[in-house]
């Protein structure tokens, strides 16, 4: 579980990360990342009804939270991150896709800064 200071909550925060941040897509998910000036890094998740029923969506959110909680400390600078699950996330290779997208996002953020 992510502690409260490490979570994005307001729709304006999500909107600014999605619109202004970098985007890295994979078959099961999309990672949006926006560098920020001060810690802590924060994360938010978007899992729509297209992913599946409530049980499936909550399972996908739990898996994503676990992956992001492990990955956030590895970021070289504070980031706001939004992870958007796509419909194949319910049965696809979520761990591999997240690891690949996270590495690419960090590389893009490092090149942009």
N, C-alpha and C. Protein backbone atom coordinates (compact mmCIF):
# COMPACT_ATOMS: atom_id res chain seq x y z
N UNK A 1 0.84 -1.18 0.00
CA UNK A 1 0.00 0.00 0.00
C UNK A 1 0.88 1.24 0.00
N UNK A 2 0.48 2.21 -0.75
CA UNK A 2 1.20 3.48 -0.77
C UNK A 2 0.72 4.36 0.37
N UNK A 3 1.62 4.95 1.13
CA UNK A 3 1.21 5.89 2.18
C UNK A 3 0.51 7.11 1.56
N UNK A 4 -0.32 7.77 2.31
CA UNK A 4 -1.12 8.89 1.81
C UNK A 4 -0.29 9.98 1.12
N UNK A 5 0.89 10.37 1.63
CA UNK A 5 1.65 11.42 0.93
C UNK A 5 2.18 10.98 -0.44
N UNK A 6 2.14 9.68 -0.73
CA UNK A 6 2.66 9.17 -2.00
C UNK A 6 1.56 8.85 -3.00
N UNK A 7 0.34 9.35 -2.76
CA UNK A 7 -0.78 9.08 -3.65
C UNK A 7 -1.27 10.35 -4.32
N UNK A 8 -1.58 10.26 -5.59
CA UNK A 8 -2.28 11.34 -6.28
C UNK A 8 -3.76 11.15 -5.96
N UNK A 9 -4.45 12.25 -5.67
CA UNK A 9 -5.85 12.13 -5.28
C UNK A 9 -6.79 12.98 -6.13
N UNK A 10 -6.41 14.21 -6.39
CA UNK A 10 -7.31 15.14 -7.07
C UNK A 10 -7.27 14.94 -8.59
N UNK A 11 -8.41 15.14 -9.22
CA UNK A 11 -8.48 14.98 -10.67
C UNK A 11 -7.56 15.97 -11.39
N UNK A 12 -7.35 17.15 -10.82
CA UNK A 12 -6.43 18.12 -11.43
C UNK A 12 -5.00 17.58 -11.45
N UNK A 13 -4.61 16.87 -10.40
CA UNK A 13 -3.27 16.29 -10.36
C UNK A 13 -3.13 15.22 -11.45
N UNK A 14 -4.13 14.36 -11.58
CA UNK A 14 -4.11 13.33 -12.62
C UNK A 14 -4.04 14.00 -13.99
N UNK A 15 -4.87 15.00 -14.20
CA UNK A 15 -4.94 15.67 -15.49
C UNK A 15 -3.61 16.29 -15.87
N UNK A 16 -2.94 16.95 -14.93
CA UNK A 16 -1.67 17.60 -15.26
C UNK A 16 -0.59 16.57 -15.60
N UNK A 17 -0.57 15.44 -14.91
CA UNK A 17 0.42 14.41 -15.22
C UNK A 17 0.15 13.82 -16.60
N UNK A 18 -1.10 13.52 -16.90
CA UNK A 18 -1.43 12.90 -18.18
C UNK A 18 -1.19 13.87 -19.33
N UNK A 19 -1.51 15.13 -19.15
CA UNK A 19 -1.37 16.10 -20.24
C UNK A 19 0.04 16.62 -20.41
N UNK A 20 0.77 16.82 -19.31
CA UNK A 20 2.09 17.46 -19.39
C UNK A 20 3.25 16.49 -19.29
N UNK A 21 3.01 15.29 -18.79
CA UNK A 21 4.09 14.35 -18.57
C UNK A 21 4.44 13.56 -19.80
N UNK A 22 5.47 12.72 -19.67
CA UNK A 22 5.84 11.83 -20.76
C UNK A 22 4.93 10.61 -20.70
N UNK A 23 4.84 9.90 -21.83
CA UNK A 23 3.92 8.77 -21.93
C UNK A 23 4.68 7.58 -22.50
N UNK A 24 4.53 6.44 -21.85
CA UNK A 24 5.12 5.19 -22.35
C UNK A 24 4.02 4.13 -22.33
N UNK A 25 3.70 3.59 -23.49
CA UNK A 25 2.64 2.61 -23.60
C UNK A 25 3.15 1.21 -23.82
N UNK A 26 2.44 0.27 -23.29
CA UNK A 26 2.68 -1.16 -23.48
C UNK A 26 1.31 -1.80 -23.71
N UNK A 27 1.26 -3.07 -24.14
CA UNK A 27 -0.04 -3.69 -24.45
C UNK A 27 -1.04 -3.71 -23.29
N UNK A 28 -0.56 -3.78 -22.04
CA UNK A 28 -1.49 -3.90 -20.93
C UNK A 28 -1.65 -2.61 -20.12
N UNK A 29 -0.75 -1.64 -20.32
CA UNK A 29 -0.83 -0.42 -19.51
C UNK A 29 -0.11 0.74 -20.16
N UNK A 30 -0.38 1.93 -19.64
CA UNK A 30 0.30 3.15 -20.07
C UNK A 30 0.81 3.84 -18.81
N UNK A 31 2.08 4.24 -18.84
CA UNK A 31 2.68 4.96 -17.72
C UNK A 31 2.89 6.41 -18.13
N UNK A 32 2.33 7.34 -17.35
CA UNK A 32 2.55 8.77 -17.54
C UNK A 32 3.40 9.24 -16.37
N UNK A 33 4.47 9.99 -16.65
CA UNK A 33 5.34 10.47 -15.57
C UNK A 33 5.67 11.94 -15.80
N UNK A 34 5.64 12.70 -14.71
CA UNK A 34 5.93 14.12 -14.75
C UNK A 34 6.93 14.44 -13.65
N UNK A 35 8.14 14.92 -14.01
CA UNK A 35 9.11 15.29 -12.97
C UNK A 35 8.58 16.46 -12.15
N UNK A 36 8.96 16.50 -10.88
CA UNK A 36 8.57 17.59 -10.02
C UNK A 36 9.75 18.04 -9.19
N UNK A 37 9.61 19.17 -8.53
CA UNK A 37 10.74 19.77 -7.83
C UNK A 37 11.00 19.19 -6.45
N UNK A 38 9.95 18.88 -5.71
CA UNK A 38 10.15 18.48 -4.32
C UNK A 38 9.57 17.09 -4.05
N UNK A 39 10.22 16.34 -3.17
CA UNK A 39 9.69 15.02 -2.81
C UNK A 39 8.38 15.17 -2.06
N UNK A 40 7.62 14.17 -1.89
CA UNK A 40 7.83 12.78 -2.29
C UNK A 40 7.28 12.50 -3.69
N UNK A 41 7.72 11.41 -4.28
CA UNK A 41 7.12 10.94 -5.53
C UNK A 41 5.72 10.44 -5.21
N UNK A 42 4.80 10.65 -6.15
CA UNK A 42 3.41 10.24 -5.92
C UNK A 42 2.92 9.43 -7.11
N UNK A 43 1.94 8.57 -6.87
CA UNK A 43 1.40 7.73 -7.93
C UNK A 43 -0.11 7.68 -7.85
N UNK A 44 -0.73 7.51 -9.01
CA UNK A 44 -2.17 7.34 -9.10
C UNK A 44 -2.48 6.28 -10.15
N UNK A 45 -3.67 5.71 -10.09
CA UNK A 45 -4.03 4.61 -10.97
C UNK A 45 -5.38 4.86 -11.60
N UNK A 46 -5.49 4.48 -12.88
CA UNK A 46 -6.75 4.59 -13.61
C UNK A 46 -7.06 3.20 -14.16
N UNK A 47 -8.15 2.61 -13.68
CA UNK A 47 -8.56 1.29 -14.15
C UNK A 47 -10.05 1.39 -14.49
N UNK A 48 -10.36 1.45 -15.77
CA UNK A 48 -11.73 1.67 -16.19
C UNK A 48 -12.54 0.38 -16.21
N UNK A 49 -13.83 0.52 -16.44
CA UNK A 49 -14.72 -0.63 -16.50
C UNK A 49 -14.40 -1.54 -17.68
N UNK A 50 -13.69 -1.02 -18.67
CA UNK A 50 -13.33 -1.83 -19.83
C UNK A 50 -12.38 -2.97 -19.43
N UNK A 51 -11.69 -2.82 -18.31
CA UNK A 51 -10.76 -3.85 -17.84
C UNK A 51 -11.53 -5.08 -17.36
N UNK A 52 -12.69 -4.89 -16.78
CA UNK A 52 -13.47 -6.03 -16.31
C UNK A 52 -14.42 -5.62 -15.20
N UNK A 53 -14.96 -6.62 -14.52
CA UNK A 53 -15.90 -6.32 -13.44
C UNK A 53 -15.14 -5.78 -12.22
N UNK A 54 -15.83 -5.49 -11.16
CA UNK A 54 -15.22 -4.85 -9.99
C UNK A 54 -14.12 -5.71 -9.37
N UNK A 55 -14.32 -7.00 -9.32
CA UNK A 55 -13.32 -7.90 -8.75
C UNK A 55 -12.04 -7.85 -9.57
N UNK A 56 -12.18 -7.90 -10.88
CA UNK A 56 -11.02 -7.85 -11.77
C UNK A 56 -10.31 -6.51 -11.68
N UNK A 57 -11.07 -5.43 -11.68
CA UNK A 57 -10.46 -4.09 -11.60
C UNK A 57 -9.69 -3.93 -10.30
N UNK A 58 -10.27 -4.36 -9.20
CA UNK A 58 -9.58 -4.24 -7.91
C UNK A 58 -8.32 -5.11 -7.86
N UNK A 59 -8.37 -6.28 -8.47
CA UNK A 59 -7.18 -7.14 -8.51
C UNK A 59 -6.07 -6.46 -9.31
N UNK A 60 -6.43 -5.86 -10.45
CA UNK A 60 -5.44 -5.15 -11.27
C UNK A 60 -4.87 -3.97 -10.49
N UNK A 61 -5.72 -3.22 -9.80
CA UNK A 61 -5.23 -2.07 -9.00
C UNK A 61 -4.27 -2.52 -7.91
N UNK A 62 -4.60 -3.60 -7.23
CA UNK A 62 -3.70 -4.10 -6.17
C UNK A 62 -2.35 -4.50 -6.74
N UNK A 63 -2.36 -5.20 -7.88
CA UNK A 63 -1.10 -5.60 -8.50
C UNK A 63 -0.29 -4.38 -8.92
N UNK A 64 -0.95 -3.38 -9.50
CA UNK A 64 -0.24 -2.17 -9.93
C UNK A 64 0.31 -1.40 -8.73
N UNK A 65 -0.47 -1.28 -7.66
CA UNK A 65 0.01 -0.59 -6.46
C UNK A 65 1.28 -1.24 -5.92
N UNK A 66 1.28 -2.55 -5.90
CA UNK A 66 2.44 -3.28 -5.40
C UNK A 66 3.67 -3.01 -6.29
N UNK A 67 3.49 -3.05 -7.60
CA UNK A 67 4.60 -2.80 -8.52
C UNK A 67 5.13 -1.38 -8.38
N UNK A 68 4.22 -0.42 -8.30
CA UNK A 68 4.64 0.98 -8.22
C UNK A 68 5.30 1.27 -6.87
N UNK A 69 4.78 0.71 -5.80
CA UNK A 69 5.38 0.94 -4.47
C UNK A 69 6.82 0.45 -4.44
N UNK A 70 7.11 -0.64 -5.13
CA UNK A 70 8.48 -1.14 -5.20
C UNK A 70 9.35 -0.30 -6.12
N UNK A 71 8.76 0.28 -7.16
CA UNK A 71 9.54 1.00 -8.18
C UNK A 71 9.77 2.48 -7.85
N UNK A 72 8.86 3.12 -7.13
CA UNK A 72 8.99 4.57 -6.87
C UNK A 72 10.32 4.96 -6.21
N UNK A 73 10.81 4.22 -5.22
CA UNK A 73 12.08 4.63 -4.62
C UNK A 73 13.27 4.58 -5.58
N UNK A 74 13.15 3.84 -6.68
CA UNK A 74 14.27 3.74 -7.63
C UNK A 74 14.35 4.94 -8.57
N UNK A 75 13.35 5.81 -8.53
CA UNK A 75 13.37 6.99 -9.41
C UNK A 75 14.49 7.94 -8.98
N UNK A 76 15.29 8.43 -9.93
CA UNK A 76 16.41 9.30 -9.58
C UNK A 76 15.98 10.70 -9.13
N UNK A 77 14.73 11.05 -9.38
CA UNK A 77 14.21 12.36 -8.97
C UNK A 77 12.74 12.19 -8.62
N UNK A 78 12.17 13.16 -7.90
CA UNK A 78 10.73 13.04 -7.56
C UNK A 78 9.86 13.08 -8.81
N UNK A 79 8.88 12.22 -8.86
CA UNK A 79 7.97 12.13 -10.01
C UNK A 79 6.53 12.04 -9.54
N UNK A 80 5.64 12.53 -10.37
CA UNK A 80 4.23 12.19 -10.26
C UNK A 80 3.97 11.19 -11.38
N UNK A 81 3.35 10.07 -11.05
CA UNK A 81 3.16 8.99 -12.00
C UNK A 81 1.68 8.60 -12.02
N UNK A 82 1.14 8.42 -13.22
CA UNK A 82 -0.20 7.87 -13.38
C UNK A 82 -0.05 6.60 -14.21
N UNK A 83 -0.56 5.49 -13.70
CA UNK A 83 -0.55 4.22 -14.43
C UNK A 83 -1.97 3.92 -14.84
N UNK A 84 -2.18 3.81 -16.16
CA UNK A 84 -3.51 3.54 -16.70
C UNK A 84 -3.55 2.12 -17.23
N UNK A 85 -4.43 1.30 -16.69
CA UNK A 85 -4.56 -0.09 -17.13
C UNK A 85 -5.44 -0.15 -18.37
N UNK A 86 -5.03 -0.95 -19.32
CA UNK A 86 -5.81 -1.19 -20.54
C UNK A 86 -6.55 -2.52 -20.39
N UNK A 87 -7.56 -2.79 -21.23
CA UNK A 87 -8.35 -4.02 -21.07
C UNK A 87 -7.53 -5.31 -20.99
N UNK A 88 -6.43 -5.48 -21.74
CA UNK A 88 -5.67 -6.74 -21.59
C UNK A 88 -4.97 -6.90 -20.24
N UNK A 89 -4.99 -5.88 -19.38
CA UNK A 89 -4.31 -5.96 -18.07
C UNK A 89 -4.91 -7.04 -17.19
N UNK A 90 -6.16 -7.40 -17.43
CA UNK A 90 -6.82 -8.41 -16.60
C UNK A 90 -6.16 -9.78 -16.75
N UNK A 91 -5.59 -10.05 -17.91
CA UNK A 91 -5.02 -11.38 -18.12
C UNK A 91 -3.64 -11.35 -18.76
N UNK A 92 -3.10 -10.16 -18.99
CA UNK A 92 -1.82 -10.06 -19.69
C UNK A 92 -0.62 -10.05 -18.75
N UNK A 93 0.57 -9.90 -19.34
CA UNK A 93 1.83 -9.90 -18.57
C UNK A 93 2.06 -8.55 -17.89
N UNK A 94 1.35 -8.28 -16.83
CA UNK A 94 1.38 -6.97 -16.17
C UNK A 94 2.77 -6.64 -15.62
N UNK A 95 3.43 -7.58 -15.00
CA UNK A 95 4.74 -7.32 -14.39
C UNK A 95 5.77 -6.95 -15.46
N UNK A 96 5.83 -7.74 -16.52
CA UNK A 96 6.81 -7.48 -17.57
C UNK A 96 6.55 -6.14 -18.25
N UNK A 97 5.28 -5.87 -18.55
CA UNK A 97 4.93 -4.61 -19.20
C UNK A 97 5.23 -3.42 -18.30
N UNK A 98 4.92 -3.53 -17.01
CA UNK A 98 5.21 -2.42 -16.11
C UNK A 98 6.72 -2.18 -16.00
N UNK A 99 7.48 -3.25 -15.84
CA UNK A 99 8.94 -3.10 -15.71
C UNK A 99 9.52 -2.44 -16.95
N UNK A 100 9.08 -2.87 -18.11
CA UNK A 100 9.55 -2.29 -19.36
C UNK A 100 9.14 -0.82 -19.48
N UNK A 101 7.88 -0.52 -19.20
CA UNK A 101 7.39 0.86 -19.31
C UNK A 101 8.05 1.76 -18.28
N UNK A 102 8.26 1.27 -17.07
CA UNK A 102 8.90 2.07 -16.01
C UNK A 102 10.33 2.44 -16.42
N UNK A 103 11.08 1.47 -16.92
CA UNK A 103 12.44 1.75 -17.37
C UNK A 103 12.47 2.77 -18.50
N UNK A 104 11.57 2.63 -19.45
CA UNK A 104 11.51 3.58 -20.56
C UNK A 104 11.09 4.97 -20.08
N UNK A 105 10.15 5.02 -19.14
CA UNK A 105 9.71 6.31 -18.62
C UNK A 105 10.85 7.02 -17.89
N UNK A 106 11.61 6.27 -17.07
CA UNK A 106 12.73 6.88 -16.37
C UNK A 106 13.79 7.38 -17.35
N UNK A 107 14.01 6.62 -18.42
CA UNK A 107 14.97 7.05 -19.43
C UNK A 107 14.50 8.33 -20.13
N UNK A 108 13.21 8.40 -20.46
CA UNK A 108 12.68 9.60 -21.11
C UNK A 108 12.72 10.81 -20.18
N UNK A 109 12.39 10.59 -18.91
CA UNK A 109 12.41 11.69 -17.94
C UNK A 109 13.84 12.19 -17.77
N UNK A 110 14.80 11.27 -17.70
CA UNK A 110 16.20 11.65 -17.56
C UNK A 110 16.70 12.42 -18.77
N UNK A 111 16.24 12.04 -19.97
CA UNK A 111 16.65 12.74 -21.18
C UNK A 111 15.97 14.09 -21.30
N UNK A 112 14.76 14.21 -20.75
CA UNK A 112 14.01 15.47 -20.85
C UNK A 112 14.52 16.52 -19.88
N UNK A 113 15.12 16.08 -18.80
CA UNK A 113 15.55 17.03 -17.77
C UNK A 113 16.93 17.54 -18.03
